[in-house]
């Protein structure tokens, strides 16, 4: 049986998810579960989009990269406002 590989968009989404998880590992150990849950929820809420909705997925990837930039910032150490 022939198994097809992932599309370019799928690879990009997976890469973004992994980058987010790597950014979580740079946070203090006590807040890592909170950040990991945030990443998980952000990706899961976008599972409603179909694979062929390319424009929306590309938009979400751009938004995700912006959020990753903030998440990866060393100055961000919590998800709550003080």
N, C-alpha and C. Protein backbone atom coordinates (compact mmCIF):
# COMPACT_ATOMS: atom_id res chain seq x y z
N UNK A 1 0.85 -1.17 0.00
CA UNK A 1 0.00 0.00 0.00
C UNK A 1 0.89 1.24 0.00
N UNK A 2 0.57 2.20 -0.81
CA UNK A 2 1.34 3.43 -0.95
C UNK A 2 0.94 4.42 0.13
N UNK A 3 1.93 4.93 0.85
CA UNK A 3 1.66 5.91 1.90
C UNK A 3 2.17 7.28 1.45
N UNK A 4 1.28 8.26 1.41
CA UNK A 4 1.66 9.59 0.98
C UNK A 4 2.29 10.36 2.14
N UNK A 5 3.25 11.20 1.81
CA UNK A 5 3.88 12.04 2.82
C UNK A 5 3.00 13.22 3.19
N UNK A 6 3.48 13.98 4.10
CA UNK A 6 2.74 15.17 4.54
C UNK A 6 2.91 16.29 3.53
N UNK A 7 1.89 17.14 3.46
CA UNK A 7 1.96 18.30 2.58
C UNK A 7 2.90 19.34 3.20
N UNK A 8 3.26 20.33 2.41
CA UNK A 8 4.11 21.40 2.90
C UNK A 8 3.50 22.15 4.07
N UNK A 9 2.20 22.39 4.00
CA UNK A 9 1.51 23.08 5.09
C UNK A 9 1.51 22.25 6.37
N UNK A 10 1.28 20.95 6.22
CA UNK A 10 1.29 20.08 7.40
C UNK A 10 2.66 20.10 8.05
N UNK A 11 3.70 20.04 7.24
CA UNK A 11 5.07 20.08 7.78
C UNK A 11 5.33 21.40 8.48
N UNK A 12 4.80 22.48 7.92
CA UNK A 12 5.00 23.80 8.52
C UNK A 12 4.29 23.91 9.87
N UNK A 13 3.08 23.36 9.95
CA UNK A 13 2.33 23.38 11.21
C UNK A 13 3.05 22.56 12.27
N UNK A 14 3.52 21.38 11.90
CA UNK A 14 4.24 20.53 12.83
C UNK A 14 5.52 21.21 13.30
N UNK A 15 6.22 21.84 12.38
CA UNK A 15 7.44 22.56 12.72
C UNK A 15 7.16 23.70 13.70
N UNK A 16 6.08 24.42 13.47
CA UNK A 16 5.69 25.51 14.36
C UNK A 16 5.36 24.97 15.75
N UNK A 17 4.62 23.87 15.80
CA UNK A 17 4.26 23.26 17.08
C UNK A 17 5.52 22.84 17.85
N UNK A 18 6.45 22.21 17.16
CA UNK A 18 7.69 21.78 17.81
C UNK A 18 8.51 22.98 18.29
N UNK A 19 8.53 24.05 17.50
CA UNK A 19 9.24 25.26 17.90
C UNK A 19 8.62 25.86 19.16
N UNK A 20 7.31 25.82 19.23
CA UNK A 20 6.62 26.32 20.42
C UNK A 20 6.98 25.48 21.65
N UNK A 21 7.02 24.18 21.47
CA UNK A 21 7.38 23.31 22.60
C UNK A 21 8.82 23.53 23.03
N UNK A 22 9.71 23.80 22.08
CA UNK A 22 11.10 24.11 22.42
C UNK A 22 11.17 25.43 23.20
N UNK A 23 10.36 26.40 22.81
CA UNK A 23 10.33 27.68 23.52
C UNK A 23 9.83 27.49 24.95
N UNK A 24 8.88 26.59 25.14
CA UNK A 24 8.36 26.29 26.48
C UNK A 24 9.48 25.78 27.37
N UNK A 25 10.38 24.99 26.83
CA UNK A 25 11.47 24.41 27.62
C UNK A 25 12.45 25.47 28.13
N UNK A 26 12.39 26.68 27.57
CA UNK A 26 13.29 27.75 28.03
C UNK A 26 12.70 28.52 29.21
N UNK A 27 11.48 28.21 29.57
CA UNK A 27 10.80 28.89 30.68
C UNK A 27 11.13 28.20 31.99
N UNK A 28 10.93 28.90 33.13
CA UNK A 28 11.17 28.26 34.43
C UNK A 28 10.34 26.99 34.58
N UNK A 29 10.92 25.99 35.22
CA UNK A 29 10.29 24.67 35.34
C UNK A 29 8.88 24.72 35.94
N UNK A 30 8.66 25.61 36.88
CA UNK A 30 7.35 25.61 37.54
C UNK A 30 6.23 26.15 36.66
N UNK A 31 6.56 26.91 35.61
CA UNK A 31 5.51 27.44 34.72
C UNK A 31 5.45 26.70 33.38
N UNK A 32 6.35 25.77 33.15
CA UNK A 32 6.34 25.03 31.88
C UNK A 32 5.02 24.31 31.62
N UNK A 33 4.42 23.65 32.60
CA UNK A 33 3.12 22.99 32.32
C UNK A 33 2.05 23.99 31.86
N UNK A 34 2.04 25.18 32.42
CA UNK A 34 1.08 26.22 32.04
C UNK A 34 1.32 26.65 30.58
N UNK A 35 2.57 26.85 30.21
CA UNK A 35 2.89 27.23 28.84
C UNK A 35 2.58 26.10 27.87
N UNK A 36 2.90 24.85 28.25
CA UNK A 36 2.63 23.70 27.39
C UNK A 36 1.14 23.55 27.13
N UNK A 37 0.34 23.75 28.17
CA UNK A 37 -1.12 23.67 28.01
C UNK A 37 -1.62 24.79 27.10
N UNK A 38 -1.06 25.98 27.24
CA UNK A 38 -1.43 27.10 26.38
C UNK A 38 -1.17 26.76 24.91
N UNK A 39 0.01 26.21 24.62
CA UNK A 39 0.36 25.84 23.25
C UNK A 39 -0.61 24.78 22.73
N UNK A 40 -0.87 23.78 23.54
CA UNK A 40 -1.78 22.70 23.15
C UNK A 40 -3.17 23.23 22.81
N UNK A 41 -3.69 24.09 23.67
CA UNK A 41 -5.04 24.64 23.47
C UNK A 41 -5.08 25.51 22.21
N UNK A 42 -4.04 26.32 22.00
CA UNK A 42 -4.00 27.19 20.82
C UNK A 42 -4.05 26.36 19.53
N UNK A 43 -3.33 25.25 19.49
CA UNK A 43 -3.34 24.42 18.29
C UNK A 43 -4.65 23.64 18.17
N UNK A 44 -5.16 23.13 19.28
CA UNK A 44 -6.38 22.33 19.23
C UNK A 44 -7.59 23.14 18.80
N UNK A 45 -7.64 24.41 19.16
CA UNK A 45 -8.82 25.21 18.79
C UNK A 45 -8.88 25.47 17.28
N UNK A 46 -7.79 25.20 16.58
CA UNK A 46 -7.78 25.39 15.14
C UNK A 46 -7.90 24.08 14.36
N UNK A 47 -8.22 23.01 15.04
CA UNK A 47 -8.42 21.72 14.36
C UNK A 47 -9.68 21.70 13.50
N UNK A 48 -10.52 22.70 13.63
CA UNK A 48 -11.79 22.73 12.88
C UNK A 48 -11.60 23.03 11.40
N UNK A 49 -10.42 23.53 11.02
CA UNK A 49 -10.19 23.91 9.62
C UNK A 49 -9.80 22.69 8.79
N UNK A 50 -10.33 22.65 7.57
CA UNK A 50 -10.05 21.56 6.64
C UNK A 50 -8.67 21.75 6.02
N UNK A 51 -8.06 20.65 5.61
CA UNK A 51 -6.73 20.69 4.97
C UNK A 51 -6.71 21.58 3.73
N UNK A 52 -7.82 21.64 3.03
CA UNK A 52 -7.85 22.41 1.78
C UNK A 52 -8.17 23.89 1.98
N UNK A 53 -8.30 24.34 3.22
CA UNK A 53 -8.52 25.76 3.52
C UNK A 53 -7.15 26.44 3.68
N UNK A 54 -6.43 26.46 2.58
CA UNK A 54 -5.02 26.88 2.57
C UNK A 54 -4.83 28.31 3.05
N UNK A 55 -5.64 29.22 2.57
CA UNK A 55 -5.48 30.64 2.95
C UNK A 55 -5.61 30.83 4.46
N UNK A 56 -6.59 30.19 5.05
CA UNK A 56 -6.79 30.31 6.50
C UNK A 56 -5.63 29.69 7.25
N UNK A 57 -5.19 28.52 6.82
CA UNK A 57 -4.08 27.84 7.49
C UNK A 57 -2.80 28.67 7.39
N UNK A 58 -2.55 29.26 6.23
CA UNK A 58 -1.37 30.12 6.08
C UNK A 58 -1.47 31.33 7.01
N UNK A 59 -2.65 31.90 7.12
CA UNK A 59 -2.86 33.02 8.04
C UNK A 59 -2.58 32.59 9.48
N UNK A 60 -3.11 31.43 9.88
CA UNK A 60 -2.91 30.94 11.24
C UNK A 60 -1.44 30.64 11.52
N UNK A 61 -0.72 30.16 10.52
CA UNK A 61 0.72 29.92 10.68
C UNK A 61 1.44 31.24 10.93
N UNK A 62 1.09 32.28 10.16
CA UNK A 62 1.71 33.60 10.38
C UNK A 62 1.42 34.12 11.78
N UNK A 63 0.16 33.97 12.22
CA UNK A 63 -0.20 34.41 13.56
C UNK A 63 0.55 33.59 14.62
N UNK A 64 0.67 32.30 14.37
CA UNK A 64 1.38 31.42 15.29
C UNK A 64 2.85 31.80 15.41
N UNK A 65 3.46 32.18 14.31
CA UNK A 65 4.87 32.59 14.35
C UNK A 65 5.04 33.88 15.14
N UNK A 66 4.07 34.77 15.04
CA UNK A 66 4.12 36.00 15.84
C UNK A 66 4.01 35.67 17.33
N UNK A 67 3.07 34.79 17.66
CA UNK A 67 2.91 34.38 19.06
C UNK A 67 4.14 33.66 19.56
N UNK A 68 4.77 32.87 18.70
CA UNK A 68 6.00 32.18 19.07
C UNK A 68 7.09 33.19 19.41
N UNK A 69 7.17 34.26 18.63
CA UNK A 69 8.15 35.30 18.91
C UNK A 69 7.98 35.87 20.31
N UNK A 70 6.73 36.09 20.70
CA UNK A 70 6.45 36.60 22.04
C UNK A 70 6.75 35.53 23.08
N UNK A 71 6.29 34.32 22.82
CA UNK A 71 6.48 33.21 23.75
C UNK A 71 7.96 32.94 24.01
N UNK A 72 8.77 33.04 22.96
CA UNK A 72 10.19 32.74 23.07
C UNK A 72 10.97 33.85 23.76
N UNK A 73 10.37 35.01 23.92
CA UNK A 73 11.04 36.13 24.56
C UNK A 73 11.43 35.77 25.99
N UNK A 74 12.65 36.10 26.33
CA UNK A 74 13.13 35.80 27.68
C UNK A 74 12.40 36.61 28.75
N UNK A 75 11.80 37.72 28.36
CA UNK A 75 11.09 38.55 29.33
C UNK A 75 9.71 37.98 29.71
N UNK A 76 9.20 37.05 28.92
CA UNK A 76 7.90 36.43 29.21
C UNK A 76 8.16 35.21 30.10
N UNK A 77 7.69 35.33 31.35
CA UNK A 77 7.90 34.23 32.30
C UNK A 77 6.60 33.73 32.90
N UNK A 78 5.48 34.32 32.47
CA UNK A 78 4.17 33.91 32.97
C UNK A 78 3.10 34.24 31.94
N UNK A 79 1.99 33.55 32.00
CA UNK A 79 0.88 33.82 31.10
C UNK A 79 -0.18 34.70 31.76
N UNK A 80 -0.02 34.97 33.02
CA UNK A 80 -0.99 35.81 33.74
C UNK A 80 -0.47 37.23 33.83
N UNK A 81 -1.40 38.16 33.87
CA UNK A 81 -1.00 39.56 34.04
C UNK A 81 -0.81 39.85 35.51
N UNK A 82 0.17 40.68 35.80
CA UNK A 82 0.40 41.05 37.22
C UNK A 82 0.09 42.49 37.43
